[in-house]
Amino acid sequence: MLKGTLITSRLLLKEAIHEECSKLKSVLHTWTDKQLVEGSGYESEEFEKWISEGDLPPIENACKENYRLKSIYLKEESKLIGYTGLYMGYPAKDCLWIGILVIDSGYRKNGYAQEIISRISDDAGANGFSKLGIAVYLNNWRALRFWTKAGFDRVTGISCDGEYEEEKFATIKLQKEL
């Protein structure tokens, strides 16, 4: 499931490789409000770790074999414009978890993210998954609008890191039925 290259009408979603790390970091750095939205900046070794070890959820028996980091390329130009991290079987076995989806700011508002979610949804459904899941920071209004428009309309949880303070952040877990 999700191995190899996923193809849409305009995009290629390829397995991320170490040689792409600097380009992936460049895409991440176009997310200019990341600190404001998440409360943390950019981790310099993040992509190397995700490619080597995966970005695993906090569950027993989580393993790299269930994780995919996909680099997103424009098909015609072979230009890397984004990435997504996926975990198969979190928080339930029938759920494909989207840990992150970032599109370079210069390529947003072209329908690429919707195209990606449509392709991932089709592939997930064809491989026995009945839902997709995502966690969104509550102060990330742009992402909340995108994900709810994409059909993630079931709230499955809200998490926060303690009592309310300006430096504390909360996420809402959303789900889409396939």
N, C-alpha and C. Protein backbone atom coordinates (compact mmCIF):
# COMPACT_ATOMS: atom_id res chain seq x y z
N MET A 1 0.84 -1.19 0.00
CA MET A 1 0.00 0.00 0.00
C MET A 1 0.87 1.24 0.00
N LEU A 2 0.59 2.12 -0.88
CA LEU A 2 1.28 3.41 -1.00
C LEU A 2 2.76 3.30 -1.34
N LYS A 3 3.25 2.11 -1.66
CA LYS A 3 4.66 1.98 -2.04
C LYS A 3 4.83 2.47 -3.47
N GLY A 4 6.04 2.91 -3.75
CA GLY A 4 6.33 3.38 -5.10
C GLY A 4 5.74 4.75 -5.35
N THR A 5 5.47 5.05 -6.60
CA THR A 5 4.99 6.36 -7.02
C THR A 5 3.49 6.35 -7.21
N LEU A 6 2.82 7.33 -6.61
CA LEU A 6 1.39 7.55 -6.83
C LEU A 6 1.28 8.66 -7.87
N ILE A 7 0.38 8.48 -8.82
CA ILE A 7 0.27 9.42 -9.94
C ILE A 7 -1.12 10.04 -9.97
N THR A 8 -1.16 11.36 -10.15
CA THR A 8 -2.42 12.07 -10.39
C THR A 8 -2.31 12.71 -11.77
N SER A 9 -3.29 13.49 -12.15
CA SER A 9 -3.24 14.13 -13.47
C SER A 9 -2.08 15.11 -13.61
N ARG A 10 -1.69 15.76 -12.51
CA ARG A 10 -0.62 16.77 -12.59
C ARG A 10 0.58 16.50 -11.71
N LEU A 11 0.48 15.47 -10.85
CA LEU A 11 1.51 15.28 -9.82
C LEU A 11 2.03 13.86 -9.77
N LEU A 12 3.23 13.75 -9.19
CA LEU A 12 3.83 12.45 -8.84
C LEU A 12 4.14 12.51 -7.35
N LEU A 13 3.73 11.48 -6.63
CA LEU A 13 4.06 11.35 -5.20
C LEU A 13 5.04 10.20 -5.09
N LYS A 14 6.32 10.54 -4.91
CA LYS A 14 7.39 9.55 -4.89
C LYS A 14 7.89 9.32 -3.47
N GLU A 15 8.45 8.12 -3.24
CA GLU A 15 9.10 7.85 -1.96
C GLU A 15 10.22 8.87 -1.78
N ALA A 16 10.22 9.56 -0.65
CA ALA A 16 11.27 10.54 -0.39
C ALA A 16 12.60 9.84 -0.15
N ILE A 17 13.67 10.46 -0.62
CA ILE A 17 15.01 9.90 -0.45
C ILE A 17 15.92 10.96 0.19
N HIS A 18 17.02 10.49 0.78
CA HIS A 18 17.95 11.39 1.49
C HIS A 18 18.46 12.52 0.59
N GLU A 19 18.67 12.25 -0.68
CA GLU A 19 19.20 13.28 -1.57
C GLU A 19 18.24 14.46 -1.76
N GLU A 20 16.99 14.30 -1.37
CA GLU A 20 16.01 15.38 -1.51
C GLU A 20 15.90 16.25 -0.26
N CYS A 21 16.58 15.91 0.80
CA CYS A 21 16.39 16.59 2.09
C CYS A 21 16.52 18.11 2.00
N SER A 22 17.50 18.62 1.28
CA SER A 22 17.65 20.08 1.21
C SER A 22 16.47 20.72 0.48
N LYS A 23 15.94 20.06 -0.55
CA LYS A 23 14.77 20.59 -1.26
C LYS A 23 13.52 20.50 -0.39
N LEU A 24 13.39 19.42 0.38
CA LEU A 24 12.26 19.28 1.28
C LEU A 24 12.30 20.37 2.35
N LYS A 25 13.49 20.65 2.86
CA LYS A 25 13.65 21.73 3.85
C LYS A 25 13.27 23.08 3.24
N SER A 26 13.63 23.29 1.98
CA SER A 26 13.27 24.55 1.32
C SER A 26 11.75 24.71 1.24
N VAL A 27 11.05 23.62 0.94
CA VAL A 27 9.58 23.66 0.92
C VAL A 27 9.07 24.00 2.32
N LEU A 28 9.59 23.33 3.34
CA LEU A 28 9.16 23.59 4.71
C LEU A 28 9.36 25.06 5.08
N HIS A 29 10.46 25.66 4.66
CA HIS A 29 10.75 27.05 5.02
C HIS A 29 9.82 28.05 4.35
N THR A 30 9.03 27.61 3.35
CA THR A 30 8.03 28.52 2.78
C THR A 30 6.79 28.61 3.67
N TRP A 31 6.72 27.74 4.67
CA TRP A 31 5.62 27.77 5.66
C TRP A 31 6.00 28.82 6.70
N THR A 32 5.74 30.07 6.37
CA THR A 32 6.27 31.18 7.15
C THR A 32 5.60 31.36 8.50
N ASP A 33 4.38 30.84 8.70
CA ASP A 33 3.73 31.01 9.99
C ASP A 33 3.77 29.74 10.85
N LYS A 34 4.70 28.84 10.56
CA LYS A 34 4.81 27.58 11.30
C LYS A 34 5.00 27.82 12.80
N GLN A 35 5.89 28.71 13.17
CA GLN A 35 6.14 29.02 14.59
C GLN A 35 4.87 29.53 15.27
N LEU A 36 4.17 30.42 14.61
CA LEU A 36 2.94 30.99 15.16
C LEU A 36 1.85 29.93 15.30
N VAL A 37 1.74 29.05 14.32
CA VAL A 37 0.67 28.04 14.29
C VAL A 37 0.95 26.87 15.22
N GLU A 38 2.19 26.39 15.25
CA GLU A 38 2.53 25.18 15.99
C GLU A 38 3.31 25.43 17.28
N GLY A 39 3.87 26.61 17.40
CA GLY A 39 4.66 26.89 18.59
C GLY A 39 6.09 26.39 18.51
N SER A 40 6.47 25.85 17.34
CA SER A 40 7.85 25.39 17.17
C SER A 40 8.33 25.76 15.78
N GLY A 41 9.62 25.93 15.68
CA GLY A 41 10.21 26.28 14.40
C GLY A 41 10.58 25.06 13.60
N TYR A 42 11.65 25.16 12.86
CA TYR A 42 12.09 24.11 11.96
C TYR A 42 13.16 23.25 12.61
N GLU A 43 12.99 21.96 12.56
CA GLU A 43 13.99 21.02 13.05
C GLU A 43 14.92 20.67 11.89
N SER A 44 16.20 20.88 12.05
CA SER A 44 17.14 20.71 10.94
C SER A 44 17.29 19.26 10.49
N GLU A 45 17.14 18.31 11.38
CA GLU A 45 17.35 16.91 11.02
C GLU A 45 16.04 16.15 10.80
N GLU A 46 14.92 16.85 10.76
CA GLU A 46 13.62 16.22 10.67
C GLU A 46 13.48 15.26 9.50
N PHE A 47 13.83 15.69 8.30
CA PHE A 47 13.62 14.86 7.12
C PHE A 47 14.53 13.64 7.11
N GLU A 48 15.77 13.81 7.52
CA GLU A 48 16.67 12.67 7.59
C GLU A 48 16.11 11.59 8.52
N LYS A 49 15.57 12.03 9.66
CA LYS A 49 14.97 11.09 10.61
C LYS A 49 13.74 10.42 10.02
N TRP A 50 12.86 11.20 9.39
CA TRP A 50 11.65 10.64 8.81
C TRP A 50 11.97 9.60 7.74
N ILE A 51 12.98 9.87 6.92
CA ILE A 51 13.35 8.92 5.87
C ILE A 51 13.99 7.67 6.47
N SER A 52 14.85 7.84 7.46
CA SER A 52 15.55 6.70 8.07
C SER A 52 14.68 5.89 9.01
N GLU A 53 13.95 6.59 9.89
CA GLU A 53 13.23 5.92 10.98
C GLU A 53 11.71 6.03 10.88
N GLY A 54 11.22 6.97 10.10
CA GLY A 54 9.80 7.25 10.03
C GLY A 54 9.39 8.27 11.08
N ASP A 55 8.19 8.78 10.93
CA ASP A 55 7.58 9.67 11.92
C ASP A 55 6.45 8.87 12.53
N LEU A 56 6.78 8.11 13.57
CA LEU A 56 5.88 7.09 14.08
C LEU A 56 4.92 7.63 15.14
N PRO A 57 3.68 7.13 15.13
CA PRO A 57 2.71 7.57 16.12
C PRO A 57 2.98 6.94 17.48
N PRO A 58 2.38 7.51 18.52
CA PRO A 58 2.61 7.00 19.89
C PRO A 58 1.76 5.78 20.21
N ILE A 59 1.99 4.69 19.48
CA ILE A 59 1.24 3.46 19.72
C ILE A 59 2.21 2.30 19.87
N GLU A 60 1.77 1.27 20.54
CA GLU A 60 2.58 0.07 20.70
C GLU A 60 2.78 -0.57 19.33
N ASN A 61 3.97 -1.06 19.09
CA ASN A 61 4.34 -1.74 17.85
C ASN A 61 4.33 -0.85 16.61
N ALA A 62 4.42 0.46 16.79
CA ALA A 62 4.55 1.34 15.63
C ALA A 62 5.85 0.99 14.91
N CYS A 63 5.81 0.95 13.58
CA CYS A 63 7.00 0.55 12.84
C CYS A 63 7.14 1.33 11.54
N LYS A 64 8.37 1.46 11.10
CA LYS A 64 8.68 2.22 9.89
C LYS A 64 8.00 1.62 8.67
N GLU A 65 7.77 0.32 8.65
CA GLU A 65 7.13 -0.32 7.49
C GLU A 65 5.74 0.24 7.21
N ASN A 66 5.10 0.81 8.23
CA ASN A 66 3.77 1.38 8.05
C ASN A 66 3.79 2.88 7.73
N TYR A 67 4.98 3.44 7.59
CA TYR A 67 5.14 4.88 7.36
C TYR A 67 5.65 5.14 5.95
N ARG A 68 5.12 6.20 5.34
CA ARG A 68 5.61 6.64 4.04
C ARG A 68 5.79 8.16 4.06
N LEU A 69 6.96 8.63 3.64
CA LEU A 69 7.17 10.05 3.39
C LEU A 69 7.23 10.19 1.88
N LYS A 70 6.30 10.95 1.34
CA LYS A 70 6.20 11.12 -0.10
C LYS A 70 6.60 12.54 -0.50
N SER A 71 7.50 12.63 -1.48
CA SER A 71 7.84 13.91 -2.09
C SER A 71 6.84 14.16 -3.21
N ILE A 72 6.37 15.37 -3.31
CA ILE A 72 5.34 15.71 -4.30
C ILE A 72 5.99 16.53 -5.41
N TYR A 73 5.88 16.02 -6.63
CA TYR A 73 6.48 16.65 -7.80
C TYR A 73 5.42 17.06 -8.81
N LEU A 74 5.66 18.20 -9.48
CA LEU A 74 4.86 18.52 -10.66
C LEU A 74 5.27 17.54 -11.74
N LYS A 75 4.32 16.88 -12.34
CA LYS A 75 4.61 15.83 -13.31
C LYS A 75 5.34 16.38 -14.54
N GLU A 76 4.87 17.48 -15.09
CA GLU A 76 5.44 18.02 -16.33
C GLU A 76 6.83 18.63 -16.13
N GLU A 77 7.04 19.28 -14.99
CA GLU A 77 8.30 20.00 -14.76
C GLU A 77 9.30 19.22 -13.91
N SER A 78 8.89 18.11 -13.33
CA SER A 78 9.72 17.35 -12.39
C SER A 78 10.26 18.23 -11.27
N LYS A 79 9.43 19.15 -10.80
CA LYS A 79 9.83 20.07 -9.72
C LYS A 79 9.19 19.63 -8.42
N LEU A 80 10.01 19.53 -7.36
CA LEU A 80 9.51 19.18 -6.04
C LEU A 80 8.78 20.38 -5.45
N ILE A 81 7.48 20.19 -5.12
CA ILE A 81 6.67 21.31 -4.61
C ILE A 81 6.06 21.02 -3.23
N GLY A 82 6.31 19.83 -2.68
CA GLY A 82 5.72 19.54 -1.39
C GLY A 82 6.06 18.16 -0.89
N TYR A 83 5.43 17.79 0.21
CA TYR A 83 5.64 16.46 0.78
C TYR A 83 4.46 16.11 1.68
N THR A 84 4.29 14.83 1.91
CA THR A 84 3.28 14.35 2.85
C THR A 84 3.81 13.13 3.58
N GLY A 85 3.45 13.02 4.85
CA GLY A 85 3.81 11.87 5.67
C GLY A 85 2.56 11.09 6.01
N LEU A 86 2.58 9.78 5.77
CA LEU A 86 1.41 8.92 5.96
C LEU A 86 1.76 7.75 6.85
N TYR A 87 0.81 7.38 7.73
CA TYR A 87 1.01 6.21 8.57
C TYR A 87 -0.22 5.31 8.45
N MET A 88 0.02 4.06 8.12
CA MET A 88 -1.06 3.09 7.93
C MET A 88 -1.37 2.40 9.25
N GLY A 89 -2.62 2.58 9.73
CA GLY A 89 -3.05 1.90 10.93
C GLY A 89 -3.03 2.71 12.20
N TYR A 90 -3.22 4.01 12.10
CA TYR A 90 -3.29 4.87 13.27
C TYR A 90 -4.45 5.85 13.11
N PRO A 91 -5.24 6.12 14.12
CA PRO A 91 -5.22 5.55 15.46
C PRO A 91 -5.90 4.18 15.55
N ALA A 92 -6.48 3.72 14.44
CA ALA A 92 -7.08 2.39 14.38
C ALA A 92 -6.57 1.69 13.12
N LYS A 93 -6.66 0.39 13.10
CA LYS A 93 -6.12 -0.39 11.97
C LYS A 93 -6.73 -0.02 10.63
N ASP A 94 -7.99 0.46 10.63
CA ASP A 94 -8.67 0.78 9.37
C ASP A 94 -8.52 2.25 8.98
N CYS A 95 -7.57 2.95 9.60
CA CYS A 95 -7.37 4.38 9.34
C CYS A 95 -5.98 4.66 8.77
N LEU A 96 -5.94 5.45 7.72
CA LEU A 96 -4.67 5.96 7.18
C LEU A 96 -4.51 7.37 7.72
N TRP A 97 -3.43 7.60 8.47
CA TRP A 97 -3.17 8.87 9.14
C TRP A 97 -2.28 9.75 8.27
N ILE A 98 -2.71 10.99 8.07
CA ILE A 98 -1.90 11.97 7.34
C ILE A 98 -1.22 12.82 8.41
N GLY A 99 0.06 12.55 8.62
CA GLY A 99 0.81 13.24 9.66
C GLY A 99 1.15 14.67 9.29
N ILE A 100 1.37 14.90 8.00
CA ILE A 100 1.71 16.25 7.52
C ILE A 100 1.47 16.31 6.02
N LEU A 101 1.09 17.47 5.56
CA LEU A 101 0.98 17.76 4.12
C LEU A 101 1.38 19.22 3.96
N VAL A 102 2.46 19.45 3.24
CA VAL A 102 2.95 20.82 3.02
C VAL A 102 3.18 21.02 1.53
N ILE A 103 2.62 22.10 1.01
CA ILE A 103 2.84 22.51 -0.37
C ILE A 103 3.61 23.83 -0.32
N ASP A 104 4.65 23.94 -1.13
CA ASP A 104 5.43 25.17 -1.24
C ASP A 104 4.47 26.35 -1.42
N SER A 105 4.69 27.43 -0.69
CA SER A 105 3.77 28.57 -0.73
C SER A 105 3.59 29.14 -2.13
N GLY A 106 4.58 29.01 -2.98
CA GLY A 106 4.47 29.51 -4.35
C GLY A 106 3.56 28.67 -5.24
N TYR A 107 3.14 27.51 -4.75
CA TYR A 107 2.30 26.60 -5.53
C TYR A 107 0.95 26.34 -4.89
N ARG A 108 0.65 27.04 -3.81
CA ARG A 108 -0.65 26.87 -3.16
C ARG A 108 -1.74 27.52 -3.99
N LYS A 109 -2.97 27.16 -3.68
CA LYS A 109 -4.17 27.70 -4.32
C LYS A 109 -4.26 27.29 -5.80
N ASN A 110 -3.70 26.14 -6.12
CA ASN A 110 -3.81 25.57 -7.46
C ASN A 110 -4.54 24.24 -7.45
N GLY A 111 -5.06 23.84 -6.30
CA GLY A 111 -5.80 22.59 -6.20
C GLY A 111 -4.93 21.36 -6.05
N TYR A 112 -3.61 21.54 -5.84
CA TYR A 112 -2.72 20.39 -5.72
C TYR A 112 -3.02 19.55 -4.48
N ALA A 113 -3.25 20.20 -3.35
CA ALA A 113 -3.51 19.46 -2.12
C ALA A 113 -4.80 18.65 -2.23
N GLN A 114 -5.84 19.24 -2.82
CA GLN A 114 -7.09 18.50 -3.04
C GLN A 114 -6.85 17.29 -3.94
N GLU A 115 -6.04 17.48 -4.96
CA GLU A 115 -5.71 16.38 -5.89
C GLU A 115 -4.98 15.26 -5.15
N ILE A 116 -4.09 15.63 -4.25
CA ILE A 116 -3.34 14.64 -3.46
C ILE A 116 -4.29 13.87 -2.53
N ILE A 117 -5.15 14.58 -1.84
CA ILE A 117 -6.08 13.93 -0.92
C ILE A 117 -7.02 12.99 -1.68
N SER A 118 -7.45 13.39 -2.84
CA SER A 118 -8.30 12.53 -3.66
C SER A 118 -7.58 11.24 -4.04
N ARG A 119 -6.32 11.36 -4.44
CA ARG A 119 -5.53 10.17 -4.83
C ARG A 119 -5.26 9.28 -3.63
N ILE A 120 -4.88 9.87 -2.51
CA ILE A 120 -4.63 9.09 -1.29
C ILE A 120 -5.91 8.40 -0.84
N SER A 121 -7.04 9.10 -0.90
CA SER A 121 -8.33 8.51 -0.52
C SER A 121 -8.65 7.30 -1.37
N ASP A 122 -8.47 7.43 -2.68
CA ASP A 122 -8.74 6.31 -3.60
C ASP A 122 -7.85 5.12 -3.28
N ASP A 123 -6.57 5.37 -3.09
CA ASP A 123 -5.61 4.30 -2.81
C ASP A 123 -5.90 3.64 -1.46
N ALA A 124 -6.21 4.47 -0.46
CA ALA A 124 -6.50 3.93 0.87
C ALA A 124 -7.74 3.05 0.83
N GLY A 125 -8.81 3.52 0.19
CA GLY A 125 -10.03 2.73 0.09
C GLY A 125 -9.82 1.42 -0.65
N ALA A 126 -9.02 1.45 -1.72
CA ALA A 126 -8.74 0.25 -2.50
C ALA A 126 -7.90 -0.76 -1.72
N ASN A 127 -7.24 -0.30 -0.65
CA ASN A 127 -6.38 -1.18 0.15
C ASN A 127 -6.97 -1.49 1.53
N GLY A 128 -8.29 -1.35 1.66
CA GLY A 128 -8.95 -1.80 2.87
C GLY A 128 -9.11 -0.81 3.99
N PHE A 129 -8.66 0.42 3.80
CA PHE A 129 -8.87 1.43 4.83
C PHE A 129 -10.25 2.03 4.66
N SER A 130 -10.92 2.34 5.77
CA SER A 130 -12.27 2.90 5.70
C SER A 130 -12.31 4.38 6.06
N LYS A 131 -11.16 4.91 6.52
CA LYS A 131 -11.14 6.33 6.87
C LYS A 131 -9.72 6.89 6.81
N LEU A 132 -9.67 8.21 6.70
CA LEU A 132 -8.42 8.97 6.79
C LEU A 132 -8.50 9.83 8.04
N GLY A 133 -7.36 10.05 8.69
CA GLY A 133 -7.32 10.90 9.88
C GLY A 133 -6.24 11.95 9.77
N ILE A 134 -6.43 13.04 10.51
CA ILE A 134 -5.50 14.16 10.52
C ILE A 134 -5.64 14.89 11.86
N ALA A 135 -4.58 15.51 12.33
CA ALA A 135 -4.65 16.42 13.48
C ALA A 135 -4.25 17.80 12.99
N VAL A 136 -5.02 18.81 13.37
CA VAL A 136 -4.78 20.17 12.92
C VAL A 136 -4.70 21.07 14.15
N TYR A 137 -3.71 21.95 14.18
CA TYR A 137 -3.63 22.93 15.26
C TYR A 137 -4.83 23.86 15.17
N LEU A 138 -5.47 24.11 16.30
CA LEU A 138 -6.70 24.89 16.30
C LEU A 138 -6.51 26.33 15.81
N ASN A 139 -5.32 26.86 15.95
CA ASN A 139 -5.09 28.22 15.47
C ASN A 139 -4.60 28.25 14.01
N ASN A 140 -4.60 27.11 13.34
CA ASN A 140 -4.23 27.05 11.92
C ASN A 140 -5.51 27.10 11.08
N TRP A 141 -6.07 28.28 10.98
CA TRP A 141 -7.37 28.46 10.33
C TRP A 141 -7.34 28.07 8.87
N ARG A 142 -6.25 28.36 8.18
CA ARG A 142 -6.14 28.00 6.76
C ARG A 142 -6.25 26.48 6.61
N ALA A 143 -5.55 25.75 7.47
CA ALA A 143 -5.60 24.28 7.40
C ALA A 143 -6.98 23.76 7.81
N LEU A 144 -7.58 24.33 8.82
CA LEU A 144 -8.92 23.90 9.23
C LEU A 144 -9.92 24.07 8.09
N ARG A 145 -9.85 25.20 7.39
CA ARG A 145 -10.74 25.40 6.23
C ARG A 145 -10.47 24.35 5.16
N PHE A 146 -9.19 24.11 4.86
CA PHE A 146 -8.85 23.14 3.82
C PHE A 146 -9.35 21.74 4.18
N TRP A 147 -9.03 21.26 5.38
CA TRP A 147 -9.36 19.89 5.75
C TRP A 147 -10.86 19.66 5.84
N THR A 148 -11.60 20.63 6.38
CA THR A 148 -13.05 20.43 6.45
C THR A 148 -13.66 20.47 5.05
N LYS A 149 -13.15 21.32 4.18
CA LYS A 149 -13.62 21.35 2.79
C LYS A 149 -13.30 20.03 2.08
N ALA A 150 -12.20 19.39 2.47
CA ALA A 150 -11.79 18.12 1.87
C ALA A 150 -12.57 16.92 2.44
N GLY A 151 -13.52 17.17 3.33
CA GLY A 151 -14.38 16.11 3.82
C GLY A 151 -14.02 15.56 5.19
N PHE A 152 -13.04 16.15 5.85
CA PHE A 152 -12.66 15.73 7.20
C PHE A 152 -13.60 16.44 8.17
N ASP A 153 -14.77 15.84 8.37
CA ASP A 153 -15.84 16.53 9.09
C ASP A 153 -16.24 15.86 10.40
N ARG A 154 -15.55 14.81 10.77
CA ARG A 154 -15.86 14.13 12.03
C ARG A 154 -14.75 14.42 13.04
N VAL A 155 -15.10 15.04 14.15
CA VAL A 155 -14.14 15.33 15.22
C VAL A 155 -13.99 14.07 16.06
N THR A 156 -12.74 13.61 16.20
CA THR A 156 -12.50 12.40 17.00
C THR A 156 -11.72 12.69 18.28
N GLY A 157 -11.28 13.92 18.46
CA GLY A 157 -10.58 14.26 19.68
C GLY A 157 -9.98 15.65 19.64
N ILE A 158 -9.71 16.17 20.82
CA ILE A 158 -9.03 17.45 20.97
C ILE A 158 -7.93 17.24 22.00
N SER A 159 -6.73 17.67 21.69
CA SER A 159 -5.59 17.53 22.59
C SER A 159 -4.97 18.89 22.85
N CYS A 160 -4.51 19.08 24.08
CA CYS A 160 -3.79 20.32 24.38
C CYS A 160 -2.62 19.98 25.27
N ASP A 161 -1.67 20.89 25.32
CA ASP A 161 -0.48 20.64 26.12
C ASP A 161 -0.55 21.38 27.45
N GLY A 162 -1.62 21.14 28.20
CA GLY A 162 -1.76 21.71 29.54
C GLY A 162 -2.84 22.76 29.62
N GLU A 163 -2.74 23.56 30.65
CA GLU A 163 -3.68 24.66 30.86
C GLU A 163 -3.45 25.74 29.82
N TYR A 164 -4.47 26.54 29.58
CA TYR A 164 -4.36 27.60 28.59
C TYR A 164 -3.29 28.61 28.98
N GLU A 165 -2.41 28.87 28.05
CA GLU A 165 -1.42 29.94 28.12
C GLU A 165 -1.12 30.33 26.70
N GLU A 166 -0.57 31.52 26.51
CA GLU A 166 -0.26 31.99 25.16
C GLU A 166 0.68 31.04 24.42
N GLU A 167 1.59 30.42 25.12
CA GLU A 167 2.59 29.55 24.49
C GLU A 167 2.13 28.10 24.39
N LYS A 168 0.89 27.81 24.74
CA LYS A 168 0.36 26.45 24.68
C LYS A 168 -0.48 26.30 23.41
N PHE A 169 -0.51 25.08 22.88
CA PHE A 169 -1.20 24.84 21.62
C PHE A 169 -2.09 23.61 21.72
N ALA A 170 -3.17 23.63 20.96
CA ALA A 170 -4.12 22.52 20.96
C ALA A 170 -4.35 22.05 19.53
N THR A 171 -4.65 20.76 19.40
CA THR A 171 -4.98 20.19 18.09
C THR A 171 -6.37 19.56 18.14
N ILE A 172 -6.97 19.50 16.99
CA ILE A 172 -8.24 18.81 16.82
C ILE A 172 -7.99 17.67 15.84
N LYS A 173 -8.46 16.48 16.21
CA LYS A 173 -8.32 15.32 15.33
C LYS A 173 -9.59 15.21 14.50
N LEU A 174 -9.40 15.15 13.19
CA LEU A 174 -10.51 15.07 12.25
C LEU A 174 -10.41 13.78 11.45
N GLN A 175 -11.58 13.32 11.00
CA GLN A 175 -11.60 12.07 10.25
C GLN A 175 -12.51 12.22 9.03
N LYS A 176 -12.14 11.51 7.99
CA LYS A 176 -12.93 11.46 6.76
C LYS A 176 -13.26 10.00 6.49
N GLU A 177 -14.53 9.71 6.31
CA GLU A 177 -14.95 8.36 5.96
C GLU A 177 -14.72 8.16 4.46
N LEU A 178 -14.26 6.98 4.10
CA LEU A 178 -14.02 6.68 2.67
C LEU A 178 -15.18 5.91 2.08
